[in-house]
C-alpha atoms as a PDB file:
ATOM      1  CA  MET A   1     123.480  74.329 139.016  1.00  0.00           C
ATOM      2  CA  PRO A   2     124.550  70.661 139.349  1.00  0.00           C
ATOM      3  CA  LYS A   3     127.172  69.758 141.922  1.00  0.00           C
ATOM      4  CA  ASP A   4     129.731  68.773 139.284  1.00  0.00           C
ATOM      5  CA  GLU A   5     129.361  71.965 137.241  1.00  0.00           C
ATOM      6  CA  THR A   6     133.086  72.748 137.203  1.00  0.00           C
ATOM      7  CA  ARG A   7     133.788  69.486 135.425  1.00  0.00           C
ATOM      8  CA  THR A   8     132.157  70.714 132.235  1.00  0.00           C
ATOM      9  CA  ALA A   9     135.588  72.242 131.645  1.00  0.00           C
ATOM     10  CA  GLY A  10     137.171  68.810 131.996  1.00  0.00           C
ATOM     11  CA  THR A  11     139.624  67.450 134.507  1.00  0.00           C
ATOM     12  CA  LEU A  12     143.357  67.513 134.901  1.00  0.00           C
ATOM     13  CA  ASP A  13     145.503  64.811 136.504  1.00  0.00           C
ATOM     14  CA  LEU A  14     148.045  66.102 138.996  1.00  0.00           C
ATOM     15  CA  GLY A  15     150.944  63.691 139.176  1.00  0.00           C
ATOM     16  CA  GLY A  16     148.893  61.030 137.432  1.00  0.00           C
ATOM     17  CA  ASP A  17     146.860  60.176 140.544  1.00  0.00           C
ATOM     18  CA  LEU A  18     144.859  63.278 141.537  1.00  0.00           C
ATOM     19  CA  ALA A  19     141.979  64.171 139.221  1.00  0.00           C
ATOM     20  CA  VAL A  20     140.890  67.774 139.701  1.00  0.00           C
ATOM     21  CA  GLY A  21     138.396  69.937 137.874  1.00  0.00           C
ATOM     22  CA  ARG A  22     140.121  72.529 135.699  1.00  0.00           C
ATOM     23  CA  LEU A  23     138.633  75.426 137.635  1.00  0.00           C
ATOM     24  CA  GLY A  24     139.874  75.630 141.209  1.00  0.00           C
ATOM     25  CA  PHE A  25     139.606  78.168 144.013  1.00  0.00           C
ATOM     26  CA  GLY A  26     142.330  80.433 145.380  1.00  0.00           C
ATOM     27  CA  ALA A  27     141.870  81.176 149.087  1.00  0.00           C
ATOM     28  CA  MET A  28     144.183  84.197 149.398  1.00  0.00           C
ATOM     29  CA  ARG A  29     141.294  86.672 149.684  1.00  0.00           C
ATOM     30  CA  LEU A  30     139.808  84.894 152.696  1.00  0.00           C
ATOM     31  CA  CYS A  31     142.048  86.907 155.022  1.00  0.00           C
ATOM     32  CA  GLY A  32     142.122  90.493 156.235  1.00  0.00           C
ATOM     33  CA  PRO A  33     143.321  93.509 154.192  1.00  0.00           C
ATOM     34  CA  GLY A  34     146.809  93.066 152.781  1.00  0.00           C
ATOM     35  CA  VAL A  35     146.378  89.274 153.163  1.00  0.00           C
ATOM     36  CA  TRP A  36     146.999  89.871 156.865  1.00  0.00           C
ATOM     37  CA  GLY A  37     144.963  88.737 159.862  1.00  0.00           C
ATOM     38  CA  GLU A  38     141.462  87.385 160.126  1.00  0.00           C
ATOM     39  CA  PRO A  39     138.844  88.122 157.456  1.00  0.00           C
ATOM     40  CA  GLU A  40     136.365  90.857 158.230  1.00  0.00           C
ATOM     41  CA  ASP A  41     133.570  88.270 157.939  1.00  0.00           C
ATOM     42  CA  PRO A  42     134.880  84.861 159.119  1.00  0.00           C
ATOM     43  CA  GLU A  43     131.492  83.179 158.749  1.00  0.00           C
ATOM     44  CA  GLY A  44     131.192  84.577 155.234  1.00  0.00           C
ATOM     45  CA  ALA A  45     134.623  83.166 154.362  1.00  0.00           C
ATOM     46  CA  GLU A  46     133.526  79.741 155.537  1.00  0.00           C
ATOM     47  CA  ARG A  47     130.337  80.010 153.472  1.00  0.00           C
ATOM     48  CA  VAL A  48     132.409  80.705 150.358  1.00  0.00           C
ATOM     49  CA  LEU A  49     134.553  77.612 150.943  1.00  0.00           C
ATOM     50  CA  ARG A  50     131.589  75.347 151.565  1.00  0.00           C
ATOM     51  CA  ARG A  51     129.748  76.717 148.531  1.00  0.00           C
ATOM     52  CA  ALA A  52     132.817  76.113 146.358  1.00  0.00           C
ATOM     53  CA  VAL A  53     132.767  72.435 147.295  1.00  0.00           C
ATOM     54  CA  ASP A  54     128.988  72.294 146.739  1.00  0.00           C
ATOM     55  CA  LEU A  55     129.549  73.632 143.220  1.00  0.00           C
ATOM     56  CA  GLY A  56     132.002  70.850 142.424  1.00  0.00           C
ATOM     57  CA  VAL A  57     135.292  72.670 143.001  1.00  0.00           C
ATOM     58  CA  ASN A  58     137.750  70.028 144.221  1.00  0.00           C
ATOM     59  CA  PHE A  59     141.026  71.957 144.099  1.00  0.00           C
ATOM     60  CA  ILE A  60     141.677  74.665 146.692  1.00  0.00           C
ATOM     61  CA  ASP A  61     144.952  76.581 146.785  1.00  0.00           C
ATOM     62  CA  THR A  62     146.293  78.383 149.853  1.00  0.00           C
ATOM     63  CA  ALA A  63     149.623  79.144 151.589  1.00  0.00           C
ATOM     64  CA  ASP A  64     151.011  79.364 155.099  1.00  0.00           C
ATOM     65  CA  ALA A  65     151.788  83.044 154.433  1.00  0.00           C
ATOM     66  CA  TYR A  66     148.126  83.937 153.913  1.00  0.00           C
ATOM     67  CA  GLY A  67     147.245  85.517 157.204  1.00  0.00           C
ATOM     68  CA  PRO A  68     149.781  84.091 158.098  1.00  0.00           C
ATOM     69  CA  GLY A  69     148.150  80.773 158.925  1.00  0.00           C
ATOM     70  CA  VAL A  70     144.655  82.268 158.638  1.00  0.00           C
ATOM     71  CA  GLY A  71     143.862  80.786 155.238  1.00  0.00           C
ATOM     72  CA  GLU A  72     144.830  77.261 156.229  1.00  0.00           C
ATOM     73  CA  ARG A  73     142.932  77.386 159.523  1.00  0.00           C
ATOM     74  CA  GLY A  74     139.874  78.747 157.729  1.00  0.00           C
ATOM     75  CA  ILE A  75     139.886  75.879 155.242  1.00  0.00           C
ATOM     76  CA  SER A  76     140.187  73.347 158.036  1.00  0.00           C
ATOM     77  CA  SER A  77     137.423  74.996 160.072  1.00  0.00           C
ATOM     78  CA  ALA A  78     135.023  75.093 157.132  1.00  0.00           C
ATOM     79  CA  LEU A  79     135.714  71.780 155.432  1.00  0.00           C
ATOM     80  CA  HIS A  80     137.361  69.260 157.773  1.00  0.00           C
ATOM     81  CA  PRO A  81     136.765  66.323 157.619  1.00  0.00           C
ATOM     82  CA  TYR A  82     137.434  66.803 153.939  1.00  0.00           C
ATOM     83  CA  PRO A  83     135.517  65.200 151.055  1.00  0.00           C
ATOM     84  CA  ALA A  84     137.512  62.306 149.618  1.00  0.00           C
ATOM     85  CA  SER A  85     137.884  64.014 146.233  1.00  0.00           C
ATOM     86  CA  LEU A  86     139.098  67.371 147.585  1.00  0.00           C
ATOM     87  CA  VAL A  87     142.715  68.296 146.827  1.00  0.00           C
ATOM     88  CA  ILE A  88     144.223  71.016 149.017  1.00  0.00           C
ATOM     89  CA  ALA A  89     147.396  72.668 147.774  1.00  0.00           C
ATOM     90  CA  THR A  90     149.471  74.931 149.970  1.00  0.00           C
ATOM     91  CA  LYS A  91     152.838  76.663 149.796  1.00  0.00           C
ATOM     92  CA  GLY A  92     155.875  77.499 151.889  1.00  0.00           C
ATOM     93  CA  GLY A  93     158.770  79.846 151.369  1.00  0.00           C
ATOM     94  CA  TYR A  94     157.458  83.231 152.500  1.00  0.00           C
ATOM     95  CA  THR A  95     157.384  84.943 155.877  1.00  0.00           C
ATOM     96  CA  ARG A  96     155.296  87.985 156.754  1.00  0.00           C
ATOM     97  CA  GLN A  97     156.126  91.244 158.533  1.00  0.00           C
ATOM     98  CA  GLY A  98     152.738  92.903 158.240  1.00  0.00           C
ATOM     99  CA  PRO A  99     149.921  93.742 155.789  1.00  0.00           C
ATOM    100  CA  GLY A 100     151.254  93.590 152.249  1.00  0.00           C
ATOM    101  CA  ARG A 101     154.791  92.817 153.450  1.00  0.00           C
ATOM    102  CA  TRP A 102     156.377  89.579 152.236  1.00  0.00           C
ATOM    103  CA  ARG A 103     159.891  88.158 152.598  1.00  0.00           C
ATOM    104  CA  THR A 104     161.181  84.996 150.947  1.00  0.00           C
ATOM    105  CA  ASN A 105     162.745  82.231 153.027  1.00  0.00           C
ATOM    106  CA  GLY A 106     163.809  79.174 151.078  1.00  0.00           C
ATOM    107  CA  ARG A 107     166.103  77.714 153.702  1.00  0.00           C
ATOM    108  CA  PRO A 108     165.551  73.956 154.098  1.00  0.00           C
ATOM    109  CA  LYS A 109     165.015  74.329 157.856  1.00  0.00           C
ATOM    110  CA  HIS A 110     162.313  76.943 157.311  1.00  0.00           C
ATOM    111  CA  LEU A 111     160.586  74.915 154.580  1.00  0.00           C
ATOM    112  CA  ARG A 112     160.414  71.880 156.860  1.00  0.00           C
ATOM    113  CA  GLU A 113     158.980  73.964 159.715  1.00  0.00           C
ATOM    114  CA  ALA A 114     156.530  75.628 157.343  1.00  0.00           C
ATOM    115  CA  CYS A 115     155.332  72.284 156.024  1.00  0.00           C
ATOM    116  CA  GLU A 116     154.835  70.886 159.517  1.00  0.00           C
ATOM    117  CA  GLY A 117     152.860  73.991 160.459  1.00  0.00           C
ATOM    118  CA  SER A 118     150.634  73.603 157.401  1.00  0.00           C
ATOM    119  CA  LEU A 119     149.996  69.953 158.241  1.00  0.00           C
ATOM    120  CA  ARG A 120     148.827  70.935 161.738  1.00  0.00           C
ATOM    121  CA  ARG A 121     146.610  73.820 160.644  1.00  0.00           C
ATOM    122  CA  LEU A 122     145.022  71.827 157.821  1.00  0.00           C
ATOM    123  CA  GLN A 123     144.660  68.728 160.025  1.00  0.00           C
ATOM    124  CA  LEU A 124     146.338  66.538 157.440  1.00  0.00           C
ATOM    125  CA  ASP A 125     148.796  63.654 157.668  1.00  0.00           C
ATOM    126  CA  ARG A 126     150.031  64.423 154.164  1.00  0.00           C
ATOM    127  CA  ILE A 127     149.658  67.439 151.894  1.00  0.00           C
ATOM    128  CA  ASP A 128     148.591  66.493 148.374  1.00  0.00           C
ATOM    129  CA  LEU A 129     150.438  69.366 146.678  1.00  0.00           C
ATOM    130  CA  TYR A 130     153.114  71.411 148.414  1.00  0.00           C
ATOM    131  CA  GLN A 131     154.601  74.297 146.428  1.00  0.00           C
ATOM    132  CA  LEU A 132     157.694  76.436 146.842  1.00  0.00           C
ATOM    133  CA  HIS A 133     156.053  79.864 147.064  1.00  0.00           C
ATOM    134  CA  ARG A 134     158.964  81.745 145.479  1.00  0.00           C
ATOM    135  CA  PRO A 135     162.680  81.078 144.961  1.00  0.00           C
ATOM    136  CA  ASP A 136     164.852  82.798 147.566  1.00  0.00           C
ATOM    137  CA  SER A 137     167.754  84.661 145.986  1.00  0.00           C
ATOM    138  CA  ARG A 138     169.756  84.192 149.215  1.00  0.00           C
ATOM    139  CA  VAL A 139     169.488  80.393 149.097  1.00  0.00           C
ATOM    140  CA  PRO A 140     170.678  78.132 146.261  1.00  0.00           C
ATOM    141  CA  PHE A 141     167.529  77.089 144.407  1.00  0.00           C
ATOM    142  CA  GLU A 142     168.621  73.453 144.416  1.00  0.00           C
ATOM    143  CA  ARG A 143     168.779  73.401 148.227  1.00  0.00           C
ATOM    144  CA  SER A 144     165.163  74.527 148.505  1.00  0.00           C
ATOM    145  CA  ILE A 145     164.024  71.876 146.023  1.00  0.00           C
ATOM    146  CA  GLU A 146     166.054  69.184 147.772  1.00  0.00           C
ATOM    147  CA  ALA A 147     164.223  70.055 151.005  1.00  0.00           C
ATOM    148  CA  LEU A 148     160.874  69.487 149.315  1.00  0.00           C
ATOM    149  CA  ALA A 149     162.146  66.267 147.772  1.00  0.00           C
ATOM    150  CA  GLN A 150     163.069  65.057 151.251  1.00  0.00           C
ATOM    151  CA  LEU A 151     159.609  65.904 152.595  1.00  0.00           C
ATOM    152  CA  ARG A 152     158.104  63.952 149.711  1.00  0.00           C
ATOM    153  CA  GLU A 153     160.349  60.975 150.421  1.00  0.00           C
ATOM    154  CA  GLU A 154     159.233  61.049 154.060  1.00  0.00           C
ATOM    155  CA  GLY A 155     155.571  61.016 153.054  1.00  0.00           C
ATOM    156  CA  ARG A 156     154.788  64.469 154.431  1.00  0.00           C
ATOM    157  CA  ILE A 157     153.777  65.646 150.964  1.00  0.00           C
ATOM    158  CA  ARG A 158     152.470  63.683 148.001  1.00  0.00           C
ATOM    159  CA  HIS A 159     153.499  65.971 145.152  1.00  0.00           C
ATOM    160  CA  VAL A 160     155.829  68.940 144.681  1.00  0.00           C
ATOM    161  CA  GLY A 161     154.891  72.124 142.850  1.00  0.00           C
ATOM    162  CA  LEU A 162     156.613  75.421 142.108  1.00  0.00           C
ATOM    163  CA  SER A 163     155.498  79.024 142.028  1.00  0.00           C
ATOM    164  CA  ASN A 164     156.982  82.164 140.475  1.00  0.00           C
ATOM    165  CA  VAL A 165     159.722  80.336 138.568  1.00  0.00           C
ATOM    166  CA  SER A 166     161.376  80.571 135.166  1.00  0.00           C
ATOM    167  CA  ALA A 167     161.462  77.797 132.582  1.00  0.00           C
ATOM    168  CA  ALA A 168     165.124  77.215 133.475  1.00  0.00           C
ATOM    169  CA  GLN A 169     164.293  76.859 137.172  1.00  0.00           C
ATOM    170  CA  LEU A 170     161.515  74.428 136.319  1.00  0.00           C
ATOM    171  CA  GLU A 171     163.995  72.294 134.389  1.00  0.00           C
ATOM    172  CA  THR A 172     166.487  72.407 137.273  1.00  0.00           C
ATOM    173  CA  ALA A 173     163.833  71.346 139.767  1.00  0.00           C
ATOM    174  CA  ARG A 174     162.667  68.482 137.554  1.00  0.00           C
ATOM    175  CA  GLY A 175     166.203  67.113 137.676  1.00  0.00           C
ATOM    176  CA  ILE A 176     165.845  66.772 141.457  1.00  0.00           C
ATOM    177  CA  VAL A 177     162.239  65.703 142.072  1.00  0.00           C
ATOM    178  CA  PRO A 178     159.105  65.190 139.936  1.00  0.00           C
ATOM    179  CA  ILE A 179     157.220  68.479 139.555  1.00  0.00           C
ATOM    180  CA  VAL A 180     153.473  68.300 138.942  1.00  0.00           C
ATOM    181  CA  SER A 181     152.507  71.996 138.804  1.00  0.00           C
ATOM    182  CA  VAL A 182     153.758  75.523 138.318  1.00  0.00           C
ATOM    183  CA  GLN A 183     151.895  78.561 139.643  1.00  0.00           C
ATOM    184  CA  ASN A 184     152.943  81.795 137.942  1.00  0.00           C
ATOM    185  CA  ARG A 185     151.258  85.100 137.304  1.00  0.00           C
ATOM    186  CA  TYR A 186     149.415  84.840 133.994  1.00  0.00           C
ATOM    187  CA  ASN A 187     146.322  86.512 132.594  1.00  0.00           C
ATOM    188  CA  LEU A 188     144.977  88.156 129.462  1.00  0.00           C
ATOM    189  CA  ASN A 189     146.960  91.305 130.246  1.00  0.00           C
ATOM    190  CA  ASP A 190     150.208  89.685 131.438  1.00  0.00           C
ATOM    191  CA  ARG A 191     151.636  86.715 129.537  1.00  0.00           C
ATOM    192  CA  ARG A 192     155.280  86.981 130.477  1.00  0.00           C
ATOM    193  CA  SER A 193     155.197  83.355 131.658  1.00  0.00           C
ATOM    194  CA  GLU A 194     154.283  82.066 128.188  1.00  0.00           C
ATOM    195  CA  ALA A 195     157.536  80.078 127.959  1.00  0.00           C
ATOM    196  CA  VAL A 196     156.811  78.421 131.304  1.00  0.00           C
ATOM    197  CA  LEU A 197     153.289  77.567 130.172  1.00  0.00           C
ATOM    198  CA  ARG A 198     154.672  75.905 127.040  1.00  0.00           C
ATOM    199  CA  ALA A 199     157.216  73.963 129.078  1.00  0.00           C
ATOM    200  CA  CYS A 200     154.413  72.717 131.322  1.00  0.00           C
ATOM    201  CA  GLU A 201     152.367  71.634 128.306  1.00  0.00           C
ATOM    202  CA  CYS A 202     155.280  69.662 126.903  1.00  0.00           C
ATOM    203  CA  ALA A 203     155.978  67.963 130.247  1.00  0.00           C
ATOM    204  CA  GLY A 204     152.367  67.221 131.194  1.00  0.00           C
ATOM    205  CA  ILE A 205     152.555  69.599 134.162  1.00  0.00           C
ATOM    206  CA  ALA A 206     149.618  71.669 135.405  1.00  0.00           C
ATOM    207  CA  PHE A 207     149.968  75.429 134.965  1.00  0.00           C
ATOM    208  CA  ILE A 208     148.135  77.392 137.666  1.00  0.00           C
ATOM    209  CA  PRO A 209     147.777  81.070 136.711  1.00  0.00           C
ATOM    210  CA  TRP A 210     147.585  83.402 139.671  1.00  0.00           C
ATOM    211  CA  LEU A 211     145.822  86.750 139.301  1.00  0.00           C
ATOM    212  CA  PRO A 212     143.898  85.149 136.423  1.00  0.00           C
ATOM    213  CA  LEU A 213     141.174  87.812 136.188  1.00  0.00           C
ATOM    214  CA  ALA A 214     143.379  90.886 135.691  1.00  0.00           C
ATOM    215  CA  THR A 215     142.554  92.690 132.453  1.00  0.00           C
ATOM    216  CA  GLY A 216     143.833  96.259 132.774  1.00  0.00           C
ATOM    217  CA  ARG A 217     142.720  98.482 129.917  1.00  0.00           C
ATOM    218  CA  LEU A 218     141.606  95.455 127.871  1.00  0.00           C
ATOM    219  CA  ALA A 219     138.222  95.604 129.638  1.00  0.00           C
ATOM    220  CA  ARG A 220     137.477  99.123 128.360  1.00  0.00           C
ATOM    221  CA  PRO A 221     133.963  99.760 127.003  1.00  0.00           C
ATOM    222  CA  GLY A 222     133.586  98.911 123.334  1.00  0.00           C
ATOM    223  CA  GLY A 223     136.654  96.690 123.291  1.00  0.00           C
ATOM    224  CA  THR A 224     136.874  93.093 122.064  1.00  0.00           C
ATOM    225  CA  LEU A 225     136.694  91.675 125.586  1.00  0.00           C
ATOM    226  CA  ARG A 226     133.476  93.463 126.525  1.00  0.00           C
ATOM    227  CA  GLU A 227     131.929  92.766 123.140  1.00  0.00           C
ATOM    228  CA  THR A 228     132.648  89.067 123.565  1.00  0.00           C
ATOM    229  CA  ALA A 229     131.044  89.103 127.014  1.00  0.00           C
ATOM    230  CA  THR A 230     127.943  90.849 125.660  1.00  0.00           C
ATOM    231  CA  ARG A 231     127.655  88.384 122.799  1.00  0.00           C
ATOM    232  CA  HIS A 232     127.601  85.456 125.241  1.00  0.00           C
ATOM    233  CA  GLY A 233     125.484  87.156 127.900  1.00  0.00           C
ATOM    234  CA  ALA A 234     128.424  86.698 130.258  1.00  0.00           C
ATOM    235  CA  THR A 235     130.582  88.838 132.517  1.00  0.00           C
ATOM    236  CA  VAL A 236     134.099  89.939 131.634  1.00  0.00           C
ATOM    237  CA  PRO A 237     135.634  87.662 134.326  1.00  0.00           C
ATOM    238  CA  GLN A 238     133.713  84.705 132.893  1.00  0.00           C
ATOM    239  CA  VAL A 239     135.085  85.371 129.411  1.00  0.00           C
ATOM    240  CA  VAL A 240     138.620  85.712 130.798  1.00  0.00           C
ATOM    241  CA  LEU A 241     138.333  82.365 132.587  1.00  0.00           C
ATOM    242  CA  ALA A 242     136.876  80.711 129.484  1.00  0.00           C
ATOM    243  CA  TRP A 243     139.786  82.097 127.466  1.00  0.00           C
ATOM    244  CA  LEU A 244     142.320  80.673 129.920  1.00  0.00           C
ATOM    245  CA  LEU A 245     140.676  77.251 129.807  1.00  0.00           C
ATOM    246  CA  ALA A 246     140.647  77.327 126.006  1.00  0.00           C
ATOM    247  CA  LYS A 247     144.208  78.637 125.779  1.00  0.00           C
ATOM    248  CA  SER A 248     145.899  75.473 127.048  1.00  0.00           C
ATOM    249  CA  PRO A 249     144.926  71.992 128.280  1.00  0.00           C
ATOM    250  CA  ALA A 250     147.506  72.472 131.059  1.00  0.00           C
ATOM    251  CA  MET A 251     145.658  75.474 132.490  1.00  0.00           C
ATOM    252  CA  LEU A 252     144.152  75.270 135.990  1.00  0.00           C
ATOM    253  CA  PRO A 253     142.829  78.734 136.955  1.00  0.00           C
ATOM    254  CA  ILE A 254     142.179  79.444 140.642  1.00  0.00           C
ATOM    255  CA  PRO A 255     140.081  82.625 140.803  1.00  0.00           C
ATOM    256  CA  GLY A 256     139.601  83.785 144.368  1.00  0.00           C
ATOM    257  CA  THR A 257     136.849  85.809 145.975  1.00  0.00           C
ATOM    258  CA  SER A 258     135.248  86.477 149.343  1.00  0.00           C
ATOM    259  CA  SER A 259     131.788  86.690 147.755  1.00  0.00           C
ATOM    260  CA  VAL A 260     129.477  83.717 147.195  1.00  0.00           C
ATOM    261  CA  THR A 261     127.868  85.573 144.281  1.00  0.00           C
ATOM    262  CA  HIS A 262     131.193  86.130 142.537  1.00  0.00           C
ATOM    263  CA  LEU A 263     132.196  82.543 143.270  1.00  0.00           C
ATOM    264  CA  GLU A 264     129.079  81.253 141.537  1.00  0.00           C
ATOM    265  CA  GLU A 265     129.733  83.538 138.557  1.00  0.00           C
ATOM    266  CA  ASN A 266     133.315  82.307 138.290  1.00  0.00           C
ATOM    267  CA  VAL A 267     132.334  78.649 138.472  1.00  0.00           C
ATOM    268  CA  ALA A 268     129.697  79.174 135.788  1.00  0.00           C
ATOM    269  CA  ALA A 269     132.526  80.150 133.416  1.00  0.00           C
ATOM    270  CA  ALA A 270     133.225  76.423 133.059  1.00  0.00           C
ATOM    271  CA  ARG A 271     130.069  76.259 130.885  1.00  0.00           C
ATOM    272  CA  LEU A 272     131.132  79.067 128.553  1.00  0.00           C
ATOM    273  CA  ARG A 273     132.464  77.962 125.193  1.00  0.00           C
ATOM    274  CA  LEU A 274     134.304  80.503 123.068  1.00  0.00           C
ATOM    275  CA  THR A 275     134.713  79.962 119.342  1.00  0.00           C
ATOM    276  CA  ASP A 276     138.190  79.474 117.911  1.00  0.00           C
ATOM    277  CA  GLY A 277     137.887  82.913 116.359  1.00  0.00           C
ATOM    278  CA  GLU A 278     137.030  84.496 119.685  1.00  0.00           C
ATOM    279  CA  VAL A 279     139.957  82.786 121.390  1.00  0.00           C
ATOM    280  CA  GLU A 280     142.291  84.034 118.658  1.00  0.00           C
ATOM    281  CA  ALA A 281     140.893  87.565 118.842  1.00  0.00           C
ATOM    282  CA  LEU A 282     141.352  87.708 122.631  1.00  0.00           C
ATOM    283  CA  THR A 283     144.830  86.201 122.386  1.00  0.00           C
ATOM    284  CA  SER A 284     145.861  88.894 119.913  1.00  0.00           C
ATOM    285  CA  LEU A 285     144.881  91.722 122.304  1.00  0.00           C
ATOM    286  CA  LYS A 286     147.624  93.941 123.651  1.00  0.00           C
ATOM    287  CA  SER A 287     147.258  96.347 126.560  1.00  0.00           C
END
């Protein structure tokens, strides 16, 4: 497979100055169970990251809460000094109390400390894309966004992104600072963020679907999804990724895995071309 294989799906410009392939990599799974602690196979995690770059992936998404800190340190250990074309996105706004336990913290003081911690762990002078991990109901949303705007003004981050927001929150944030991406849960089985996706399309903002491979009962034997995969000689995850890429030019999926084999399968989805009829048939599915 050629090094630039992911670019067969095209590129997307983040903020007008960062060209990334439309199939990225989500590093959440490169931690221990419950996204807590070190991975069971640290060397294997590093192999996955290096192989992703070899395959042409130039957008890697992580967060300070993964581990916590484990994901960012793993990326730095495996890939620093970074290739010039590699864009690393991270997030702040969550704290951790244990495996599977998450608590929002959108206070400006915390976001500043979180950003500085990410800069140290990633060995960066500036983070290309820094995202608010989730709005904190205990903190006015505008205050959290103003904190990120200040970090951008100071040159600690290049671009601001959001995660887990509504279309109204996206509009509010855009009134404070330019927003270049939104990362919401979105997949074939869960399209509750459709309005946010459309808002991103209209504004020229990247939409990063998390949990992109979830299918639920739609992957049942004999169903449209499996039949489409069989017709193309592909896996169900490959068809799902191809559908996402075909669904919207704003889409930037970030499937994550701790397996080199699954990584290579996911990246190969950039080659898969669904017909318009197949895209429509998959879009019409309901769980």
